[in-house]
PDB file of N, CA and C in Angstrom:
ATOM      1  N   MET A   1     -10.299  32.831 -37.703  1.00  0.00           N
ATOM      2  CA  MET A   1      -9.343  33.941 -37.462  1.00  0.00           C
ATOM      3  C   MET A   1      -7.988  33.223 -36.381  1.00  0.00           C
ATOM      4  N   PRO A   2      -6.766  33.269 -36.902  1.00  0.00           N
ATOM      5  CA  PRO A   2      -5.861  32.905 -36.603  1.00  0.00           C
ATOM      6  C   PRO A   2      -5.249  32.783 -35.335  1.00  0.00           C
ATOM      7  N   GLN A   3      -4.832  31.547 -34.221  1.00  0.00           N
ATOM      8  CA  GLN A   3      -4.431  31.802 -32.949  1.00  0.00           C
ATOM      9  C   GLN A   3      -3.052  32.484 -32.533  1.00  0.00           C
ATOM     10  N   LYS A   4      -3.277  33.100 -31.735  1.00  0.00           N
ATOM     11  CA  LYS A   4      -1.890  34.270 -31.335  1.00  0.00           C
ATOM     12  C   LYS A   4      -0.742  33.061 -30.388  1.00  0.00           C
ATOM     13  N   LEU A   5       0.072  33.241 -30.611  1.00  0.00           N
ATOM     14  CA  LEU A   5       1.228  32.422 -30.123  1.00  0.00           C
ATOM     15  C   LEU A   5       1.755  33.277 -28.663  1.00  0.00           C
ATOM     16  N   THR A   6       1.321  32.788 -27.357  1.00  0.00           N
ATOM     17  CA  THR A   6       2.000  33.480 -26.649  1.00  0.00           C
ATOM     18  C   THR A   6       3.513  33.171 -26.322  1.00  0.00           C
ATOM     19  N   LYS A   7       4.284  33.496 -25.672  1.00  0.00           N
ATOM     20  CA  LYS A   7       5.677  33.447 -25.300  1.00  0.00           C
ATOM     21  C   LYS A   7       5.371  31.786 -24.589  1.00  0.00           C
ATOM     22  N   GLU A   8       4.660  31.677 -23.962  1.00  0.00           N
ATOM     23  CA  GLU A   8       4.456  29.911 -23.183  1.00  0.00           C
ATOM     24  C   GLU A   8       4.026  29.010 -23.892  1.00  0.00           C
ATOM     25  N   ILE A   9       3.757  29.703 -24.863  1.00  0.00           N
ATOM     26  CA  ILE A   9       2.819  28.153 -25.896  1.00  0.00           C
ATOM     27  C   ILE A   9       4.416  28.069 -26.616  1.00  0.00           C
ATOM     28  N   ILE A  10       4.870  29.005 -27.235  1.00  0.00           N
ATOM     29  CA  ILE A  10       5.785  28.473 -28.249  1.00  0.00           C
ATOM     30  C   ILE A  10       7.335  27.959 -27.210  1.00  0.00           C
ATOM     31  N   THR A  11       7.240  28.374 -26.009  1.00  0.00           N
ATOM     32  CA  THR A  11       8.248  27.466 -25.358  1.00  0.00           C
ATOM     33  C   THR A  11       7.815  26.284 -24.907  1.00  0.00           C
ATOM     34  N   ALA A  12       6.715  25.308 -24.728  1.00  0.00           N
ATOM     35  CA  ALA A  12       5.953  24.521 -24.584  1.00  0.00           C
ATOM     36  C   ALA A  12       6.210  24.023 -25.600  1.00  0.00           C
ATOM     37  N   ALA A  13       6.126  24.662 -26.779  1.00  0.00           N
ATOM     38  CA  ALA A  13       6.190  23.886 -28.166  1.00  0.00           C
ATOM     39  C   ALA A  13       7.657  23.152 -28.274  1.00  0.00           C
ATOM     40  N   ILE A  14       8.132  24.348 -28.486  1.00  0.00           N
ATOM     41  CA  ILE A  14       9.943  23.892 -28.579  1.00  0.00           C
ATOM     42  C   ILE A  14      10.177  22.738 -27.521  1.00  0.00           C
ATOM     43  N   ALA A  15       9.563  22.675 -26.261  1.00  0.00           N
ATOM     44  CA  ALA A  15      10.585  21.743 -25.177  1.00  0.00           C
ATOM     45  C   ALA A  15       9.578  20.259 -25.821  1.00  0.00           C
ATOM     46  N   GLY A  16       8.877  20.389 -26.381  1.00  0.00           N
ATOM     47  CA  GLY A  16       7.927  19.084 -26.938  1.00  0.00           C
ATOM     48  C   GLY A  16       8.707  18.452 -27.745  1.00  0.00           C
ATOM     49  N   PHE A  17       9.245  19.428 -28.843  1.00  0.00           N
ATOM     50  CA  PHE A  17       9.601  18.807 -30.137  1.00  0.00           C
ATOM     51  C   PHE A  17      11.142  18.580 -29.483  1.00  0.00           C
ATOM     52  N   GLU A  18      11.390  19.178 -28.867  1.00  0.00           N
ATOM     53  CA  GLU A  18      13.075  18.918 -28.035  1.00  0.00           C
ATOM     54  C   GLU A  18      12.996  17.232 -27.516  1.00  0.00           C
ATOM     55  N   ALA A  19      12.063  17.012 -26.896  1.00  0.00           N
ATOM     56  CA  ALA A  19      11.746  15.658 -26.074  1.00  0.00           C
ATOM     57  C   ALA A  19      11.517  14.371 -27.553  1.00  0.00           C
ATOM     58  N   GLN A  20      10.867  14.987 -28.592  1.00  0.00           N
ATOM     59  CA  GLN A  20      10.304  14.385 -29.533  1.00  0.00           C
ATOM     60  C   GLN A  20      11.384  13.712 -30.207  1.00  0.00           C
ATOM     61  N   LYS A  21      12.509  14.961 -30.427  1.00  0.00           N
ATOM     62  CA  LYS A  21      13.664  14.981 -31.064  1.00  0.00           C
ATOM     63  C   LYS A  21      14.522  13.987 -30.367  1.00  0.00           C
ATOM     64  N   LYS A  22      14.964  13.847 -29.501  1.00  0.00           N
ATOM     65  CA  LYS A  22      15.410  13.096 -28.391  1.00  0.00           C
ATOM     66  C   LYS A  22      15.693  11.425 -28.654  1.00  0.00           C
ATOM     67  N   HIS A  23      13.958  11.199 -28.619  1.00  0.00           N
ATOM     68  CA  HIS A  23      13.349   9.931 -28.856  1.00  0.00           C
ATOM     69  C   HIS A  23      14.106   9.393 -29.969  1.00  0.00           C
ATOM     70  N   ILE A  24      13.565  10.121 -30.885  1.00  0.00           N
ATOM     71  CA  ILE A  24      13.764   9.949 -32.398  1.00  0.00           C
ATOM     72  C   ILE A  24      15.456   9.340 -32.649  1.00  0.00           C
ATOM     73  N   ASP A  25      16.280  10.599 -32.104  1.00  0.00           N
ATOM     74  CA  ASP A  25      17.645  10.182 -31.930  1.00  0.00           C
ATOM     75  C   ASP A  25      18.138   8.893 -31.325  1.00  0.00           C
ATOM     76  N   GLY A  26      17.675   8.854 -30.704  1.00  0.00           N
ATOM     77  CA  GLY A  26      17.727   7.226 -29.819  1.00  0.00           C
ATOM     78  C   GLY A  26      17.706   6.163 -30.654  1.00  0.00           C
ATOM     79  N   GLN A  27      16.065   5.743 -31.374  1.00  0.00           N
ATOM     80  CA  GLN A  27      15.754   5.093 -32.119  1.00  0.00           C
ATOM     81  C   GLN A  27      16.406   4.891 -33.350  1.00  0.00           C
ATOM     82  N   ILE A  28      16.708   6.448 -33.638  1.00  0.00           N
ATOM     83  CA  ILE A  28      17.909   6.115 -34.876  1.00  0.00           C
ATOM     84  C   ILE A  28      19.361   5.333 -34.552  1.00  0.00           C
ATOM     85  N   ALA A  29      19.884   6.187 -33.350  1.00  0.00           N
ATOM     86  CA  ALA A  29      21.218   5.592 -33.033  1.00  0.00           C
ATOM     87  C   ALA A  29      20.976   3.426 -32.806  1.00  0.00           C
ATOM     88  N   GLU A  30      20.266   3.256 -32.017  1.00  0.00           N
ATOM     89  CA  GLU A  30      19.448   1.517 -32.108  1.00  0.00           C
ATOM     90  C   GLU A  30      19.543   1.179 -33.281  1.00  0.00           C
ATOM     91  N   LEU A  31      18.868   1.467 -34.263  1.00  0.00           N
ATOM     92  CA  LEU A  31      18.823   1.098 -35.861  1.00  0.00           C
ATOM     93  C   LEU A  31      20.406   0.936 -36.357  1.00  0.00           C
ATOM     94  N   ARG A  32      21.156   2.343 -36.087  1.00  0.00           N
ATOM     95  CA  ARG A  32      22.441   2.083 -36.606  1.00  0.00           C
ATOM     96  C   ARG A  32      23.168   1.004 -35.588  1.00  0.00           C
ATOM     97  N   GLY A  33      23.026   0.601 -34.629  1.00  0.00           N
ATOM     98  CA  GLY A  33      24.193  -0.027 -33.882  1.00  0.00           C
ATOM     99  C   GLY A  33      23.569  -1.633 -34.556  1.00  0.00           C
ATOM    100  N   GLN A  34      22.365  -1.719 -34.847  1.00  0.00           N
ATOM    101  CA  GLN A  34      21.374  -2.944 -35.536  1.00  0.00           C
ATOM    102  C   GLN A  34      21.920  -3.541 -36.826  1.00  0.00           C
ATOM    103  N   LEU A  35      22.592  -2.156 -37.765  1.00  0.00           N
ATOM    104  CA  LEU A  35      23.458  -2.434 -39.010  1.00  0.00           C
ATOM    105  C   LEU A  35      24.490  -2.673 -39.089  1.00  0.00           C
ATOM    106  N   ASN A  36      25.391  -2.280 -37.875  1.00  0.00           N
ATOM    107  CA  ASN A  36      26.714  -2.612 -37.439  1.00  0.00           C
ATOM    108  C   ASN A  36      26.842  -4.182 -36.476  1.00  0.00           C
ATOM    109  N   GLY A  37      25.830  -5.020 -36.378  1.00  0.00           N
ATOM    110  CA  GLY A  37      25.908  -5.913 -35.913  1.00  0.00           C
ATOM    111  C   GLY A  37      26.187  -5.452 -34.010  1.00  0.00           C
ATOM    112  N   GLN A  38      26.218  -4.439 -33.646  1.00  0.00           N
ATOM    113  CA  GLN A  38      26.775  -4.133 -32.453  1.00  0.00           C
ATOM    114  C   GLN A  38      25.210  -4.561 -31.726  1.00  0.00           C
ATOM    115  N   ARG A  39      25.084  -4.790 -30.389  1.00  0.00           N
ATOM    116  CA  ARG A  39      24.588  -5.526 -29.569  1.00  0.00           C
ATOM    117  C   ARG A  39      23.928  -3.912 -28.801  1.00  0.00           C
ATOM    118  N   THR A  40      22.717  -3.609 -29.012  1.00  0.00           N
ATOM    119  CA  THR A  40      22.208  -2.478 -28.298  1.00  0.00           C
ATOM    120  C   THR A  40      21.508  -2.671 -26.739  1.00  0.00           C
ATOM    121  N   GLU A  41      21.887  -2.192 -26.082  1.00  0.00           N
ATOM    122  CA  GLU A  41      20.535  -1.961 -24.988  1.00  0.00           C
ATOM    123  C   GLU A  41      19.316  -1.280 -24.845  1.00  0.00           C
ATOM    124  N   GLN A  42      18.002  -1.691 -24.650  1.00  0.00           N
ATOM    125  CA  GLN A  42      16.724  -1.140 -24.675  1.00  0.00           C
ATOM    126  C   GLN A  42      16.727  -0.087 -23.287  1.00  0.00           C
ATOM    127  N   THR A  43      16.622   0.771 -23.384  1.00  0.00           N
ATOM    128  CA  THR A  43      16.574   2.145 -21.915  1.00  0.00           C
ATOM    129  C   THR A  43      15.549   1.759 -21.460  1.00  0.00           C
ATOM    130  N   ALA A  44      15.579   1.485 -19.940  1.00  0.00           N
ATOM    131  CA  ALA A  44      14.624   1.396 -18.643  1.00  0.00           C
ATOM    132  C   ALA A  44      13.736   2.182 -19.133  1.00  0.00           C
ATOM    133  N   ALA A  45      12.654   2.577 -18.823  1.00  0.00           N
ATOM    134  CA  ALA A  45      11.728   3.103 -18.569  1.00  0.00           C
ATOM    135  C   ALA A  45      11.639   3.105 -17.251  1.00  0.00           C
ATOM    136  N   PRO A  46      11.093   4.569 -17.045  1.00  0.00           N
ATOM    137  CA  PRO A  46      11.119   5.307 -15.332  1.00  0.00           C
ATOM    138  C   PRO A  46      10.717   4.314 -14.420  1.00  0.00           C
ATOM    139  N   VAL A  47      11.185   4.109 -13.488  1.00  0.00           N
ATOM    140  CA  VAL A  47      10.472   3.033 -12.467  1.00  0.00           C
ATOM    141  C   VAL A  47       9.929   4.097 -11.514  1.00  0.00           C
ATOM    142  N   GLY A  48       8.743   3.906 -11.408  1.00  0.00           N
ATOM    143  CA  GLY A  48       7.932   4.798 -10.042  1.00  0.00           C
ATOM    144  C   GLY A  48       7.293   3.727  -9.290  1.00  0.00           C
ATOM    145  N   PRO A  49       6.797   4.004  -8.617  1.00  0.00           N
ATOM    146  CA  PRO A  49       6.084   3.701  -7.511  1.00  0.00           C
ATOM    147  C   PRO A  49       4.631   2.786  -8.140  1.00  0.00           C
ATOM    148  N   ALA A  50       5.005   1.441  -7.561  1.00  0.00           N
ATOM    149  CA  ALA A  50       3.768   0.343  -7.734  1.00  0.00           C
ATOM    150  C   ALA A  50       2.048   0.543  -7.591  1.00  0.00           C
ATOM    151  N   PRO A  51       1.441   0.551  -8.584  1.00  0.00           N
ATOM    152  CA  PRO A  51      -0.079   1.011  -8.514  1.00  0.00           C
ATOM    153  C   PRO A  51      -0.466  -0.230  -7.227  1.00  0.00           C
ATOM    154  N   LYS A  52      -1.499   0.562  -6.049  1.00  0.00           N
ATOM    155  CA  LYS A  52      -1.759   0.559  -4.692  1.00  0.00           C
ATOM    156  C   LYS A  52      -2.673  -1.134  -5.611  1.00  0.00           C
ATOM    157  N   ARG A  53      -2.721  -2.010  -4.872  1.00  0.00           N
ATOM    158  CA  ARG A  53      -3.183  -3.384  -4.849  1.00  0.00           C
ATOM    159  C   ARG A  53      -4.806  -3.169  -4.571  1.00  0.00           C
ATOM    160  N   LYS A  54      -6.056  -3.702  -4.853  1.00  0.00           N
ATOM    161  CA  LYS A  54      -6.719  -3.978  -4.819  1.00  0.00           C
ATOM    162  C   LYS A  54      -7.271  -5.421  -4.314  1.00  0.00           C
ATOM    163  N   ILE A  55      -7.650  -5.572  -3.132  1.00  0.00           N
ATOM    164  CA  ILE A  55      -7.940  -6.984  -2.375  1.00  0.00           C
ATOM    165  C   ILE A  55      -9.540  -6.550  -2.106  1.00  0.00           C
ATOM    166  N   SER A  56     -10.321  -7.939  -3.087  1.00  0.00           N
ATOM    167  CA  SER A  56     -11.621  -8.291  -3.015  1.00  0.00           C
ATOM    168  C   SER A  56     -12.029  -8.462  -1.383  1.00  0.00           C
ATOM    169  N   ALA A  57     -13.003  -8.936  -1.187  1.00  0.00           N
ATOM    170  CA  ALA A  57     -13.591  -8.277  -0.018  1.00  0.00           C
ATOM    171  C   ALA A  57     -13.450 -10.107   0.323  1.00  0.00           C
ATOM    172  N   ALA A  58     -13.664 -11.348  -0.427  1.00  0.00           N
ATOM    173  CA  ALA A  58     -13.267 -12.406  -0.046  1.00  0.00           C
ATOM    174  C   ALA A  58     -12.275 -12.651   0.426  1.00  0.00           C
ATOM    175  N   ALA A  59     -11.140 -11.895  -0.464  1.00  0.00           N
ATOM    176  CA  ALA A  59      -9.580 -12.282   0.299  1.00  0.00           C
ATOM    177  C   ALA A  59      -9.319 -11.770   1.267  1.00  0.00           C
ATOM    178  N   ARG A  60      -9.715 -10.584   2.039  1.00  0.00           N
ATOM    179  CA  ARG A  60      -9.668  -9.736   3.084  1.00  0.00           C
ATOM    180  C   ARG A  60     -10.543 -10.649   4.062  1.00  0.00           C
ATOM    181  N   ARG A  61     -11.633 -11.452   3.673  1.00  0.00           N
ATOM    182  CA  ARG A  61     -12.170 -12.242   4.583  1.00  0.00           C
ATOM    183  C   ARG A  61     -11.231 -13.557   5.112  1.00  0.00           C
ATOM    184  N   HIS A  62     -10.916 -13.798   3.844  1.00  0.00           N
ATOM    185  CA  HIS A  62     -10.005 -15.310   4.055  1.00  0.00           C
ATOM    186  C   HIS A  62      -8.716 -14.689   4.978  1.00  0.00           C
ATOM    187  N   MET A  63      -8.070 -13.539   4.854  1.00  0.00           N
ATOM    188  CA  MET A  63      -7.062 -13.067   5.174  1.00  0.00           C
ATOM    189  C   MET A  63      -6.840 -12.955   6.769  1.00  0.00           C
ATOM    190  N   ALA A  64      -8.627 -12.198   7.630  1.00  0.00           N
ATOM    191  CA  ALA A  64      -8.894 -12.414   8.308  1.00  0.00           C
ATOM    192  C   ALA A  64      -9.303 -13.750   9.512  1.00  0.00           C
ATOM    193  N   GLN A  65      -9.471 -14.395   8.498  1.00  0.00           N
ATOM    194  CA  GLN A  65      -9.602 -15.642   9.078  1.00  0.00           C
ATOM    195  C   GLN A  65      -8.744 -16.406   9.245  1.00  0.00           C
ATOM    196  N   GLY A  66      -7.665 -16.783   8.425  1.00  0.00           N
ATOM    197  CA  GLY A  66      -5.931 -16.752   8.755  1.00  0.00           C
ATOM    198  C   GLY A  66      -5.659 -16.417   9.680  1.00  0.00           C
ATOM    199  N   GLN A  67      -5.353 -14.983  10.085  1.00  0.00           N
ATOM    200  CA  GLN A  67      -4.901 -14.241  11.243  1.00  0.00           C
ATOM    201  C   GLN A  67      -5.707 -14.705  12.103  1.00  0.00           C
ATOM    202  N   LYS A  68      -6.951 -15.008  12.451  1.00  0.00           N
ATOM    203  CA  LYS A  68      -7.657 -15.506  14.333  1.00  0.00           C
ATOM    204  C   LYS A  68      -7.280 -16.858  14.211  1.00  0.00           C
ATOM    205  N   ARG A  69      -6.784 -17.764  13.370  1.00  0.00           N
ATOM    206  CA  ARG A  69      -6.159 -18.972  13.715  1.00  0.00           C
ATOM    207  C   ARG A  69      -4.890 -18.902  14.108  1.00  0.00           C
ATOM    208  N   ARG A  70      -4.138 -17.914  13.235  1.00  0.00           N
ATOM    209  CA  ARG A  70      -2.697 -17.879  14.246  1.00  0.00           C
ATOM    210  C   ARG A  70      -3.217 -17.635  15.715  1.00  0.00           C
ATOM    211  N   TRP A  71      -3.558 -16.178  16.019  1.00  0.00           N
ATOM    212  CA  TRP A  71      -3.540 -15.963  17.098  1.00  0.00           C
ATOM    213  C   TRP A  71      -3.808 -17.150  17.964  1.00  0.00           C
ATOM    214  N   GLU A  72      -4.723 -17.736  17.691  1.00  0.00           N
ATOM    215  CA  GLU A  72      -5.494 -18.833  18.587  1.00  0.00           C
ATOM    216  C   GLU A  72      -3.958 -19.595  19.006  1.00  0.00           C
ATOM    217  N   LYS A  73      -3.429 -20.131  17.848  1.00  0.00           N
ATOM    218  CA  LYS A  73      -2.684 -20.982  18.071  1.00  0.00           C
ATOM    219  C   LYS A  73      -1.660 -20.510  18.803  1.00  0.00           C
ATOM    220  N   ILE A  74      -1.118 -18.898  18.773  1.00  0.00           N
ATOM    221  CA  ILE A  74      -0.116 -18.735  19.682  1.00  0.00           C
ATOM    222  C   ILE A  74      -0.747 -18.438  20.680  1.00  0.00           C
ATOM    223  N   LYS A  75      -1.547 -18.053  21.461  1.00  0.00           N
ATOM    224  CA  LYS A  75      -2.791 -18.114  22.979  1.00  0.00           C
ATOM    225  C   LYS A  75      -2.917 -19.565  23.258  1.00  0.00           C
ATOM    226  N   GLY A  76      -2.536 -20.281  22.491  1.00  0.00           N
ATOM    227  CA  GLY A  76      -2.697 -21.708  23.203  1.00  0.00           C
ATOM    228  C   GLY A  76      -4.168 -22.184  23.335  1.00  0.00           C
ATOM    229  N   GLN A  77      -5.091 -21.334  22.886  1.00  0.00           N
ATOM    230  CA  GLN A  77      -6.359 -21.547  23.022  1.00  0.00           C
ATOM    231  C   GLN A  77      -7.289 -22.202  21.608  1.00  0.00           C
ATOM    232  N   PRO A  78      -7.076 -23.075  21.270  1.00  0.00           N
ATOM    233  CA  PRO A  78      -7.833 -23.407  19.635  1.00  0.00           C
ATOM    234  C   PRO A  78      -9.530 -23.772  19.427  1.00  0.00           C
ATOM    235  N   GLY A  79     -10.129 -22.445  18.997  1.00  0.00           N
ATOM    236  CA  GLY A  79     -11.745 -22.604  19.120  1.00  0.00           C
ATOM    237  C   GLY A  79     -12.335 -22.032  19.964  1.00  0.00           C
ATOM    238  N   SER A  80     -11.539 -21.534  21.155  1.00  0.00           N
ATOM    239  CA  SER A  80     -12.383 -20.701  21.531  1.00  0.00           C
ATOM    240  C   SER A  80     -12.854 -19.808  21.707  1.00  0.00           C
ATOM    241  N   PRO A  81     -13.852 -18.879  21.743  1.00  0.00           N
ATOM    242  CA  PRO A  81     -14.042 -17.385  21.364  1.00  0.00           C
ATOM    243  C   PRO A  81     -13.680 -16.272  21.643  1.00  0.00           C
ATOM    244  N   GLN A  82     -13.365 -16.839  23.139  1.00  0.00           N
ATOM    245  CA  GLN A  82     -12.104 -15.827  24.054  1.00  0.00           C
ATOM    246  C   GLN A  82     -11.041 -15.641  23.194  1.00  0.00           C
ATOM    247  N   SER A  83     -10.366 -16.515  22.783  1.00  0.00           N
ATOM    248  CA  SER A  83      -9.348 -16.447  22.229  1.00  0.00           C
ATOM    249  C   SER A  83      -8.877 -15.638  21.176  1.00  0.00           C
ATOM    250  N   LEU A  84     -10.291 -15.070  20.337  1.00  0.00           N
ATOM    251  CA  LEU A  84     -10.535 -14.283  19.149  1.00  0.00           C
ATOM    252  C   LEU A  84     -10.184 -12.994  19.862  1.00  0.00           C
ATOM    253  N   VAL A  85     -10.975 -12.807  21.080  1.00  0.00           N
ATOM    254  CA  VAL A  85     -10.877 -11.176  21.549  1.00  0.00           C
ATOM    255  C   VAL A  85      -9.755 -10.785  22.188  1.00  0.00           C
ATOM    256  N   ALA A  86      -9.051  -9.660  22.023  1.00  0.00           N
ATOM    257  CA  ALA A  86      -8.349  -9.094  23.280  1.00  0.00           C
ATOM    258  C   ALA A  86      -9.161  -8.861  25.045  1.00  0.00           C
ATOM    259  N   PRO A  87      -8.179  -9.509  25.804  1.00  0.00           N
ATOM    260  CA  PRO A  87      -8.561  -9.357  27.042  1.00  0.00           C
ATOM    261  C   PRO A  87      -9.130  -7.656  27.148  1.00  0.00           C
ATOM    262  N   LYS A  88     -10.610  -7.707  28.264  1.00  0.00           N
ATOM    263  CA  LYS A  88     -10.739  -6.365  27.975  1.00  0.00           C
ATOM    264  C   LYS A  88     -10.368  -5.608  29.742  1.00  0.00           C
ATOM    265  N   VAL A  89      -9.611  -4.593  29.634  1.00  0.00           N
ATOM    266  CA  VAL A  89      -9.283  -3.908  31.102  1.00  0.00           C
ATOM    267  C   VAL A  89     -10.278  -3.282  31.508  1.00  0.00           C
ATOM    268  N   ALA A  90     -10.188  -3.151  32.889  1.00  0.00           N
ATOM    269  CA  ALA A  90     -11.638  -2.453  33.552  1.00  0.00           C
ATOM    270  C   ALA A  90     -11.617  -1.296  33.900  1.00  0.00           C
ATOM    271  N   GLY A  91     -12.383  -0.248  33.640  1.00  0.00           N
ATOM    272  CA  GLY A  91     -12.274   1.066  33.741  1.00  0.00           C
ATOM    273  C   GLY A  91     -12.022   1.265  35.438  1.00  0.00           C
ATOM    274  N   PRO A  92     -11.734   3.051  35.496  1.00  0.00           N
ATOM    275  CA  PRO A  92     -11.640   3.009  36.801  1.00  0.00           C
ATOM    276  C   PRO A  92     -13.033   3.177  37.556  1.00  0.00           C
ATOM    277  N   LYS A  93     -14.234   2.906  37.057  1.00  0.00           N
ATOM    278  CA  LYS A  93     -15.447   2.817  37.995  1.00  0.00           C
ATOM    279  C   LYS A  93     -15.659   1.466  38.093  1.00  0.00           C
ATOM    280  N   LYS A  94     -15.623   1.039  37.645  1.00  0.00           N
ATOM    281  CA  LYS A  94     -15.434  -0.847  37.376  1.00  0.00           C
ATOM    282  C   LYS A  94     -14.651  -0.927  38.430  1.00  0.00           C
ATOM    283  N   ALA A  95     -13.772  -0.504  38.640  1.00  0.00           N
ATOM    284  CA  ALA A  95     -12.405  -1.059  39.281  1.00  0.00           C
ATOM    285  C   ALA A  95     -12.993  -0.767  41.171  1.00  0.00           C
ATOM    286  N   ALA A  96     -13.590   0.653  40.597  1.00  0.00           N
ATOM    287  CA  ALA A  96     -14.018   0.696  42.090  1.00  0.00           C
ATOM    288  C   ALA A  96     -15.284   0.033  42.514  1.00  0.00           C
ATOM    289  N   ALA A  97     -16.271  -0.212  41.900  1.00  0.00           N
ATOM    290  CA  ALA A  97     -17.386  -0.998  42.234  1.00  0.00           C
ATOM    291  C   ALA A  97     -16.735  -2.261  42.027  1.00  0.00           C
ATOM    292  N   LYS A  98     -15.937  -2.899  41.865  1.00  0.00           N
ATOM    293  CA  LYS A  98     -15.698  -4.505  42.113  1.00  0.00           C
ATOM    294  C   LYS A  98     -15.048  -4.476  43.209  1.00  0.00           C
ATOM    295  N   LYS A  99     -13.879  -3.451  43.862  1.00  0.00           N
ATOM    296  CA  LYS A  99     -13.343  -3.308  44.951  1.00  0.00           C
ATOM    297  C   LYS A  99     -14.737  -3.211  46.372  1.00  0.00           C
ATOM    298  N   ALA A 100     -15.494  -2.230  45.822  1.00  0.00           N
ATOM    299  CA  ALA A 100     -16.554  -2.140  47.001  1.00  0.00           C
ATOM    300  C   ALA A 100     -17.213  -3.563  47.360  1.00  0.00           C
ATOM    301  N   THR A 101     -17.721  -4.805  46.452  1.00  0.00           N
ATOM    302  CA  THR A 101     -18.476  -5.620  46.161  1.00  0.00           C
ATOM    303  C   THR A 101     -17.373  -6.597  47.212  1.00  0.00           C
ATOM    304  N   ALA A 102     -16.306  -6.889  46.637  1.00  0.00           N
ATOM    305  CA  ALA A 102     -15.312  -7.482  47.117  1.00  0.00           C
ATOM    306  C   ALA A 102     -15.262  -7.064  48.774  1.00  0.00           C
ATOM    307  N   LYS A 103     -15.340  -6.239  49.052  1.00  0.00           N
ATOM    308  CA  LYS A 103     -14.896  -5.516  50.613  1.00  0.00           C
ATOM    309  C   LYS A 103     -16.096  -5.503  50.892  1.00  0.00           C
ATOM    310  N   SER A 104     -17.250  -6.106  50.684  1.00  0.00           N
ATOM    311  CA  SER A 104     -18.746  -6.224  51.546  1.00  0.00           C
ATOM    312  C   SER A 104     -19.003  -7.797  51.476  1.00  0.00           C
ATOM    313  N   SER A 105     -18.879  -8.248  50.761  1.00  0.00           N
ATOM    314  CA  SER A 105     -18.806  -9.737  50.540  1.00  0.00           C
ATOM    315  C   SER A 105     -17.663 -10.378  51.614  1.00  0.00           C
ATOM    316  N   ALA A 106     -16.664  -9.701  51.800  1.00  0.00           N
ATOM    317  CA  ALA A 106     -15.525 -10.400  52.712  1.00  0.00           C
ATOM    318  C   ALA A 106     -15.836  -9.759  53.902  1.00  0.00           C
ATOM    319  N   LYS A 107     -16.738  -8.995  54.330  1.00  0.00           N
ATOM    320  CA  LYS A 107     -17.601  -8.825  55.661  1.00  0.00           C
ATOM    321  C   LYS A 107     -18.431  -9.639  56.229  1.00  0.00           C
ATOM    322  N   ALA A 108     -19.746 -10.079  54.907  1.00  0.00           N
ATOM    323  CA  ALA A 108     -20.352 -10.757  55.345  1.00  0.00           C
ATOM    324  C   ALA A 108     -19.657 -12.544  55.910  1.00  0.00           C
ATOM    325  N   ALA A 109     -18.662 -12.776  54.858  1.00  0.00           N
ATOM    326  CA  ALA A 109     -18.430 -14.169  55.318  1.00  0.00           C
ATOM    327  C   ALA A 109     -17.595 -14.102  56.753  1.00  0.00           C
TER     328      ALA A 109
END
């Protein structure tokens, strides 16, 4: 059974053949340039975004350790576990409890 060619299929085929023709014309021009002793430049392929790098778990661990060492050096407390953790900020409930404890201990003294 013969395939029915629609307008869209024919248009797509024409576009594909024209692209092939353009490619072949470029190759012919390059060969003619070589025959005449002219220097021809290769056309560069379209440059798109680089593919995303995949980093192994071991490399991520190594980078994390290096970052921790850098922060230790910046904070000036090498080797202490507290230098690796950001200081915690007391929440509103804890602050109120601390104030109450401080007042009661001041009264007792």
